[in-house]
Amino acid sequence: MSTFTIAAASAANFVLAQSPGETPVGPDFGKASPIGLLLLVVLVIVVLFIGWSFHRRFSRFKRRQAFAEARGIDPFDEKAIDEAMEKAGLKDQRKKNAF
């Protein structure tokens, strides 16, 4: 073995053999702050909002795709689908938002 390998093994043993430092103890150990709870609630609300928005957009896409395929229109030609849906009285009146 080379001296470099021996030195590396010795250093690894030294690092792995060290005892852990002082762990915090006391009545407040392990308690989360109210900010953590607020962060979790906000994240849950954001995830639910994103899921709701995705469902809305996906449902709209599936409706438009089924309408286009039933009438032989290219599903990716938005202008033609909009015009055909308007003629059929099925125009989606909801606003298109960023979400």
C-alpha atoms as a PDB file:
ATOM      1  CA  MET A   1       0.000   0.000   0.000  1.00  0.00           C
ATOM      2  CA  SER A   2       1.143   3.470  -0.705  1.00  0.00           C
ATOM      3  CA  THR A   3       1.550   6.066   2.006  1.00  0.00           C
ATOM      4  CA  PHE A   4      -1.293   8.098   0.490  1.00  0.00           C
ATOM      5  CA  THR A   5      -3.705   5.172   0.850  1.00  0.00           C
ATOM      6  CA  ILE A   6      -2.613   4.582   4.435  1.00  0.00           C
ATOM      7  CA  ALA A   7      -2.997   8.272   5.280  1.00  0.00           C
ATOM      8  CA  ALA A   8      -6.460   8.386   3.691  1.00  0.00           C
ATOM      9  CA  ALA A   9      -7.570   5.282   5.603  1.00  0.00           C
ATOM     10  CA  SER A  10      -6.205   6.723   8.849  1.00  0.00           C
ATOM     11  CA  ALA A  11      -8.033  10.019   8.278  1.00  0.00           C
ATOM     12  CA  ALA A  12     -11.278   8.187   7.479  1.00  0.00           C
ATOM     13  CA  ASN A  13     -10.978   6.146  10.678  1.00  0.00           C
ATOM     14  CA  PHE A  14     -10.346   9.305  12.686  1.00  0.00           C
ATOM     15  CA  VAL A  15     -13.412  11.049  11.261  1.00  0.00           C
ATOM     16  CA  LEU A  16     -15.667   8.027  11.679  1.00  0.00           C
ATOM     17  CA  ALA A  17     -14.434   7.235  15.194  1.00  0.00           C
ATOM     18  CA  GLN A  18     -15.181  10.653  16.675  1.00  0.00           C
ATOM     19  CA  SER A  19     -17.902  10.788  19.273  1.00  0.00           C
ATOM     20  CA  PRO A  20     -20.913  12.930  18.462  1.00  0.00           C
ATOM     21  CA  GLY A  21     -21.088  16.371  19.991  1.00  0.00           C
ATOM     22  CA  GLU A  22     -23.494  17.511  22.661  1.00  0.00           C
ATOM     23  CA  THR A  23     -27.093  16.987  21.684  1.00  0.00           C
ATOM     24  CA  PRO A  24     -29.619  19.572  22.760  1.00  0.00           C
ATOM     25  CA  VAL A  25     -31.784  18.547  25.677  1.00  0.00           C
ATOM     26  CA  GLY A  26     -34.431  20.296  27.672  1.00  0.00           C
ATOM     27  CA  PRO A  27     -38.134  21.034  27.607  1.00  0.00           C
ATOM     28  CA  ASP A  28     -38.016  22.815  24.232  1.00  0.00           C
ATOM     29  CA  PHE A  29     -36.020  20.181  22.357  1.00  0.00           C
ATOM     30  CA  GLY A  30     -37.843  18.862  19.309  1.00  0.00           C
ATOM     31  CA  LYS A  31     -40.624  21.434  19.283  1.00  0.00           C
ATOM     32  CA  ALA A  32     -41.288  23.200  16.011  1.00  0.00           C
ATOM     33  CA  SER A  33     -41.928  26.891  15.822  1.00  0.00           C
ATOM     34  CA  PRO A  34     -45.283  28.358  14.739  1.00  0.00           C
ATOM     35  CA  ILE A  35     -43.563  29.506  11.550  1.00  0.00           C
ATOM     36  CA  GLY A  36     -43.061  25.845  10.595  1.00  0.00           C
ATOM     37  CA  LEU A  37     -46.778  25.159  10.997  1.00  0.00           C
ATOM     38  CA  LEU A  38     -47.624  28.254   8.963  1.00  0.00           C
ATOM     39  CA  LEU A  39     -45.215  27.137   6.256  1.00  0.00           C
ATOM     40  CA  LEU A  40     -46.811  23.674   6.103  1.00  0.00           C
ATOM     41  CA  VAL A  41     -50.323  25.137   5.892  1.00  0.00           C
ATOM     42  CA  VAL A  42     -49.282  27.524   3.115  1.00  0.00           C
ATOM     43  CA  LEU A  43     -47.598  24.698   1.185  1.00  0.00           C
ATOM     44  CA  VAL A  44     -50.711  22.511   1.471  1.00  0.00           C
ATOM     45  CA  ILE A  45     -52.880  25.382   0.219  1.00  0.00           C
ATOM     46  CA  VAL A  46     -50.523  25.991  -2.710  1.00  0.00           C
ATOM     47  CA  VAL A  47     -50.485  22.299  -3.664  1.00  0.00           C
ATOM     48  CA  LEU A  48     -54.291  22.120  -3.510  1.00  0.00           C
ATOM     49  CA  PHE A  49     -54.602  25.264  -5.642  1.00  0.00           C
ATOM     50  CA  ILE A  50     -52.189  23.908  -8.241  1.00  0.00           C
ATOM     51  CA  GLY A  51     -54.073  20.602  -8.331  1.00  0.00           C
ATOM     52  CA  TRP A  52     -57.409  22.387  -8.736  1.00  0.00           C
ATOM     53  CA  SER A  53     -56.009  24.582 -11.523  1.00  0.00           C
ATOM     54  CA  PHE A  54     -54.514  21.595 -13.328  1.00  0.00           C
ATOM     55  CA  HIS A  55     -57.800  19.685 -13.100  1.00  0.00           C
ATOM     56  CA  ARG A  56     -59.684  22.656 -14.549  1.00  0.00           C
ATOM     57  CA  ARG A  57     -57.278  23.070 -17.441  1.00  0.00           C
ATOM     58  CA  PHE A  58     -57.105  19.338 -18.150  1.00  0.00           C
ATOM     59  CA  SER A  59     -60.903  18.993 -18.113  1.00  0.00           C
ATOM     60  CA  ARG A  60     -61.214  21.903 -20.534  1.00  0.00           C
ATOM     61  CA  PHE A  61     -58.585  20.338 -22.789  1.00  0.00           C
ATOM     62  CA  LYS A  62     -60.346  16.949 -22.800  1.00  0.00           C
ATOM     63  CA  ARG A  63     -63.718  18.592 -23.629  1.00  0.00           C
ATOM     64  CA  ARG A  64     -62.208  20.560 -26.490  1.00  0.00           C
ATOM     65  CA  GLN A  65     -60.286  17.512 -27.755  1.00  0.00           C
ATOM     66  CA  ALA A  66     -63.413  15.338 -27.771  1.00  0.00           C
ATOM     67  CA  PHE A  67     -65.381  18.096 -29.531  1.00  0.00           C
ATOM     68  CA  ALA A  68     -62.657  18.517 -32.167  1.00  0.00           C
ATOM     69  CA  GLU A  69     -62.276  14.787 -32.833  1.00  0.00           C
ATOM     70  CA  ALA A  70     -66.057  14.322 -33.139  1.00  0.00           C
ATOM     71  CA  ARG A  71     -66.175  17.000 -35.826  1.00  0.00           C
ATOM     72  CA  GLY A  72     -62.923  16.125 -37.602  1.00  0.00           C
ATOM     73  CA  ILE A  73     -61.066  19.282 -36.534  1.00  0.00           C
ATOM     74  CA  ASP A  74     -57.371  19.306 -35.693  1.00  0.00           C
ATOM     75  CA  PRO A  75     -57.254  19.236 -31.850  1.00  0.00           C
ATOM     76  CA  PHE A  76     -54.384  21.728 -31.835  1.00  0.00           C
ATOM     77  CA  ASP A  77     -56.083  24.349 -34.038  1.00  0.00           C
ATOM     78  CA  GLU A  78     -57.462  26.583 -31.297  1.00  0.00           C
ATOM     79  CA  LYS A  79     -59.011  29.126 -33.627  1.00  0.00           C
ATOM     80  CA  ALA A  80     -61.011  26.498 -35.565  1.00  0.00           C
ATOM     81  CA  ILE A  81     -62.169  24.816 -32.361  1.00  0.00           C
ATOM     82  CA  ASP A  82     -63.240  28.145 -30.847  1.00  0.00           C
ATOM     83  CA  GLU A  83     -65.238  29.044 -33.957  1.00  0.00           C
ATOM     84  CA  ALA A  84     -66.881  25.602 -34.166  1.00  0.00           C
ATOM     85  CA  MET A  85     -67.762  25.623 -30.463  1.00  0.00           C
ATOM     86  CA  GLU A  86     -69.230  29.104 -30.786  1.00  0.00           C
ATOM     87  CA  LYS A  87     -71.384  27.992 -33.740  1.00  0.00           C
ATOM     88  CA  ALA A  88     -72.552  24.956 -31.764  1.00  0.00           C
ATOM     89  CA  GLY A  89     -73.350  27.141 -28.735  1.00  0.00           C
ATOM     90  CA  LEU A  90     -70.771  25.399 -26.576  1.00  0.00           C
ATOM     91  CA  LYS A  91     -68.308  28.259 -26.223  1.00  0.00           C
ATOM     92  CA  ASP A  92     -66.612  28.194 -22.830  1.00  0.00           C
ATOM     93  CA  GLN A  93     -67.581  31.462 -21.120  1.00  0.00           C
ATOM     94  CA  ARG A  94     -65.056  31.184 -18.308  1.00  0.00           C
ATOM     95  CA  LYS A  95     -62.043  33.421 -18.429  1.00  0.00           C
ATOM     96  CA  LYS A  96     -58.723  31.887 -19.349  1.00  0.00           C
ATOM     97  CA  ASN A  97     -56.378  32.723 -16.494  1.00  0.00           C
ATOM     98  CA  ALA A  98     -52.678  32.185 -16.141  1.00  0.00           C
ATOM     99  CA  PHE A  99     -53.576  29.150 -14.031  1.00  0.00           C
END
